Amino acid sequence: MSQQIGIASDHGGKVLKDKITRFLKEQNLQVDDLGVPLDSSASVDYPDYASQLSKLVSEGKLKRGILVCGSGVGMSIAANKFPGVRAALVTDEFTAKMCRLHNDANILCLGERVINHDRALDFVKLWLTTEFEGGRHQNRLDQITVIEKVLAQGTAQK
């Protein structure tokens, strides 16, 4: 397991984010909490929080991160705009394991309003303890990297 992990949420994910943060600290991980405080009642924009954490992962300043919003969908969409980020929306044990094993997901996205919080902790544990399989799966990730580079070049030429 990585020694440091980032976590962030919007207002719709702050309760689950707090539970996950406590769980991570119990696992002796250093947690960089970039999300909405539990005591905040303000409605905020999830792209702001997804961007802050995803930028750190994209730049290699954090190896992994967890994003939580009401459904997990918005966070995953925003996170995947960053080069090198492989954010996976997880809804069960199978997706928690496979997103690491086959996709080397470096950001886990969860929906506070759609999954049981105790199961969410199980998903986090699976995601943290599953290693990337590599092999043919690395070839596919390399293809994604090529796509990112092509898109970046197209943007730079405009």
Protein backbone atom coordinates (compact mmCIF):
# COMPACT_ATOMS: atom_id res chain seq x y z
CA MET A 1 0.00 0.00 0.00
CA SER A 2 1.09 3.53 -0.72
CA GLN A 3 2.02 5.52 2.37
CA GLN A 4 0.16 8.65 1.28
CA ILE A 5 -3.25 8.91 -0.33
CA GLY A 6 -5.35 11.92 -1.28
CA ILE A 7 -9.06 12.16 -0.67
CA ALA A 8 -11.62 14.79 -1.61
CA SER A 9 -15.36 15.22 -1.76
CA ASP A 10 -18.04 17.74 -2.48
CA HIS A 11 -20.95 18.39 -0.12
CA GLY A 12 -22.71 15.22 -1.33
CA GLY A 13 -19.84 12.99 -0.33
CA LYS A 14 -18.51 14.51 2.86
CA VAL A 15 -19.95 11.93 5.29
CA LEU A 16 -18.53 8.94 3.40
CA LYS A 17 -15.24 10.82 2.84
CA ASP A 18 -14.95 11.28 6.60
CA LYS A 19 -15.57 7.55 7.23
CA ILE A 20 -13.01 6.57 4.60
CA THR A 21 -10.46 9.04 6.00
CA ARG A 22 -10.80 7.50 9.47
CA PHE A 23 -10.46 4.00 7.96
CA LEU A 24 -7.31 5.00 6.03
CA LYS A 25 -5.73 6.49 9.13
CA GLU A 26 -6.51 3.25 11.02
CA GLN A 27 -4.48 1.50 8.28
CA ASN A 28 -1.56 3.84 9.14
CA LEU A 29 -1.78 5.69 5.86
CA GLN A 30 -1.00 9.38 5.60
CA VAL A 31 -4.14 11.06 4.27
CA ASP A 32 -4.14 14.35 2.38
CA ASP A 33 -7.75 15.53 2.85
CA LEU A 34 -8.68 18.04 0.16
CA GLY A 35 -12.43 17.79 0.54
CA VAL A 36 -15.31 19.62 2.11
CA PRO A 37 -15.15 19.55 5.93
CA LEU A 38 -17.79 17.41 7.62
CA ASP A 39 -19.16 20.43 9.50
CA SER A 40 -19.65 22.50 6.32
CA SER A 41 -23.20 23.09 5.12
CA ALA A 42 -22.22 24.85 1.88
CA SER A 43 -23.09 23.46 -1.51
CA VAL A 44 -19.93 23.32 -3.65
CA ASP A 45 -18.95 22.38 -7.20
CA TYR A 46 -17.50 18.87 -7.51
CA PRO A 47 -15.17 19.77 -10.44
CA ASP A 48 -13.21 22.06 -8.12
CA TYR A 49 -12.48 19.21 -5.71
CA ALA A 50 -11.93 16.57 -8.39
CA SER A 51 -9.48 18.88 -10.16
CA GLN A 52 -7.45 19.63 -7.07
CA LEU A 53 -6.84 15.95 -6.28
CA SER A 54 -6.56 14.78 -9.91
CA LYS A 55 -3.91 17.40 -10.66
CA LEU A 56 -1.75 16.02 -7.84
CA VAL A 57 -2.12 12.46 -9.15
CA SER A 58 -1.52 13.57 -12.74
CA GLU A 59 1.69 15.37 -11.71
CA GLY A 60 2.89 12.38 -9.68
CA LYS A 61 2.69 14.25 -6.36
CA LEU A 62 0.22 11.65 -5.10
CA LYS A 63 0.28 8.02 -6.21
CA ARG A 64 -3.42 7.44 -5.53
CA GLY A 65 -6.58 9.27 -4.55
CA ILE A 66 -10.21 8.77 -3.62
CA LEU A 67 -13.04 11.04 -4.74
CA VAL A 68 -16.54 10.99 -3.30
CA CYS A 69 -19.69 12.81 -4.40
CA GLY A 70 -23.37 11.93 -4.29
CA SER A 71 -23.24 9.43 -7.16
CA GLY A 72 -19.51 9.24 -7.93
CA VAL A 73 -20.24 9.99 -11.58
CA GLY A 74 -19.37 13.68 -11.64
CA MET A 75 -16.09 13.14 -9.83
CA SER A 76 -15.07 10.35 -12.21
CA ILE A 77 -15.88 12.44 -15.29
CA ALA A 78 -13.89 15.42 -14.03
CA ALA A 79 -10.93 13.34 -12.81
CA ASN A 80 -10.49 11.52 -16.11
CA LYS A 81 -9.81 14.81 -17.92
CA PHE A 82 -6.30 14.83 -16.42
CA PRO A 83 -3.44 13.09 -18.25
CA GLY A 84 -2.35 9.88 -16.58
CA VAL A 85 -5.40 9.72 -14.34
CA ARG A 86 -7.37 6.50 -14.44
CA ALA A 87 -10.37 7.20 -12.23
CA ALA A 88 -12.81 4.34 -11.76
CA LEU A 89 -16.35 4.57 -10.43
CA VAL A 90 -16.77 1.53 -8.23
CA THR A 91 -20.11 0.05 -7.22
CA ASP A 92 -19.22 -3.44 -6.01
CA GLU A 93 -16.37 -5.74 -5.01
CA PHE A 94 -15.78 -6.91 -8.58
CA THR A 95 -15.27 -3.41 -9.97
CA ALA A 96 -13.11 -2.45 -6.96
CA LYS A 97 -10.75 -5.34 -7.67
CA MET A 98 -10.78 -5.27 -11.46
CA CYS A 99 -10.17 -1.54 -11.79
CA ARG A 100 -6.81 -2.12 -10.10
CA LEU A 101 -5.99 -5.56 -11.50
CA HIS A 102 -6.66 -4.73 -15.15
CA ASN A 103 -6.84 -0.93 -15.36
CA ASP A 104 -4.33 0.20 -12.72
CA ALA A 105 -6.90 2.77 -11.53
CA ASN A 106 -5.12 5.43 -9.52
CA ILE A 107 -8.27 7.24 -8.38
CA LEU A 108 -11.23 5.48 -6.81
CA CYS A 109 -14.60 7.22 -7.18
CA LEU A 110 -17.51 6.44 -4.90
CA GLY A 111 -21.08 7.65 -4.54
CA GLU A 112 -22.16 8.42 -0.99
CA ARG A 113 -25.85 8.32 -1.86
CA VAL A 114 -25.81 5.07 -3.84
CA ILE A 115 -23.69 2.58 -1.90
CA ASN A 116 -23.73 1.23 1.63
CA HIS A 117 -20.97 2.94 3.57
CA ASP A 118 -19.69 -0.25 5.21
CA ARG A 119 -19.41 -1.89 1.79
CA ALA A 120 -17.64 1.23 0.52
CA LEU A 121 -14.91 0.61 3.09
CA ASP A 122 -14.61 -2.94 1.75
CA PHE A 123 -14.23 -1.51 -1.76
CA VAL A 124 -11.49 0.83 -0.54
CA LYS A 125 -9.64 -2.05 1.11
CA LEU A 126 -9.85 -4.18 -2.05
CA TRP A 127 -8.70 -1.29 -4.20
CA LEU A 128 -5.73 -0.58 -1.93
CA THR A 129 -4.60 -4.20 -1.68
CA THR A 130 -5.02 -5.30 -5.30
CA GLU A 131 -1.91 -4.99 -7.44
CA PHE A 132 -1.92 -4.20 -11.16
CA GLU A 133 -1.49 -7.38 -13.21
CA GLY A 134 0.46 -5.77 -16.06
CA GLY A 135 1.11 -7.84 -19.18
CA ARG A 136 -1.57 -7.44 -21.83
CA HIS A 137 -3.27 -4.88 -19.60
CA GLN A 138 -0.18 -2.65 -19.69
CA ASN A 139 -0.40 -2.65 -23.48
CA ARG A 140 -3.93 -1.26 -23.23
CA LEU A 141 -2.87 1.43 -20.80
CA ASP A 142 -0.08 2.35 -23.19
CA GLN A 143 -2.72 2.80 -25.90
CA ILE A 144 -4.61 5.19 -23.63
CA THR A 145 -1.40 7.16 -23.06
CA VAL A 146 -0.98 7.49 -26.83
CA ILE A 147 -4.56 8.80 -27.11
CA GLU A 148 -3.83 11.37 -24.38
CA LYS A 149 -0.69 12.54 -26.20
CA VAL A 150 -2.49 12.81 -29.55
CA LEU A 151 -5.27 14.85 -27.97
CA ALA A 152 -2.78 17.09 -26.19
CA GLN A 153 -0.93 17.74 -29.44
CA GLY A 154 -4.18 18.57 -31.20
CA THR A 155 -5.04 21.07 -28.47
CA ALA A 156 -1.56 22.62 -28.65
CA GLN A 157 -1.85 23.13 -32.42
CA LYS A 158 -5.06 25.16 -32.19
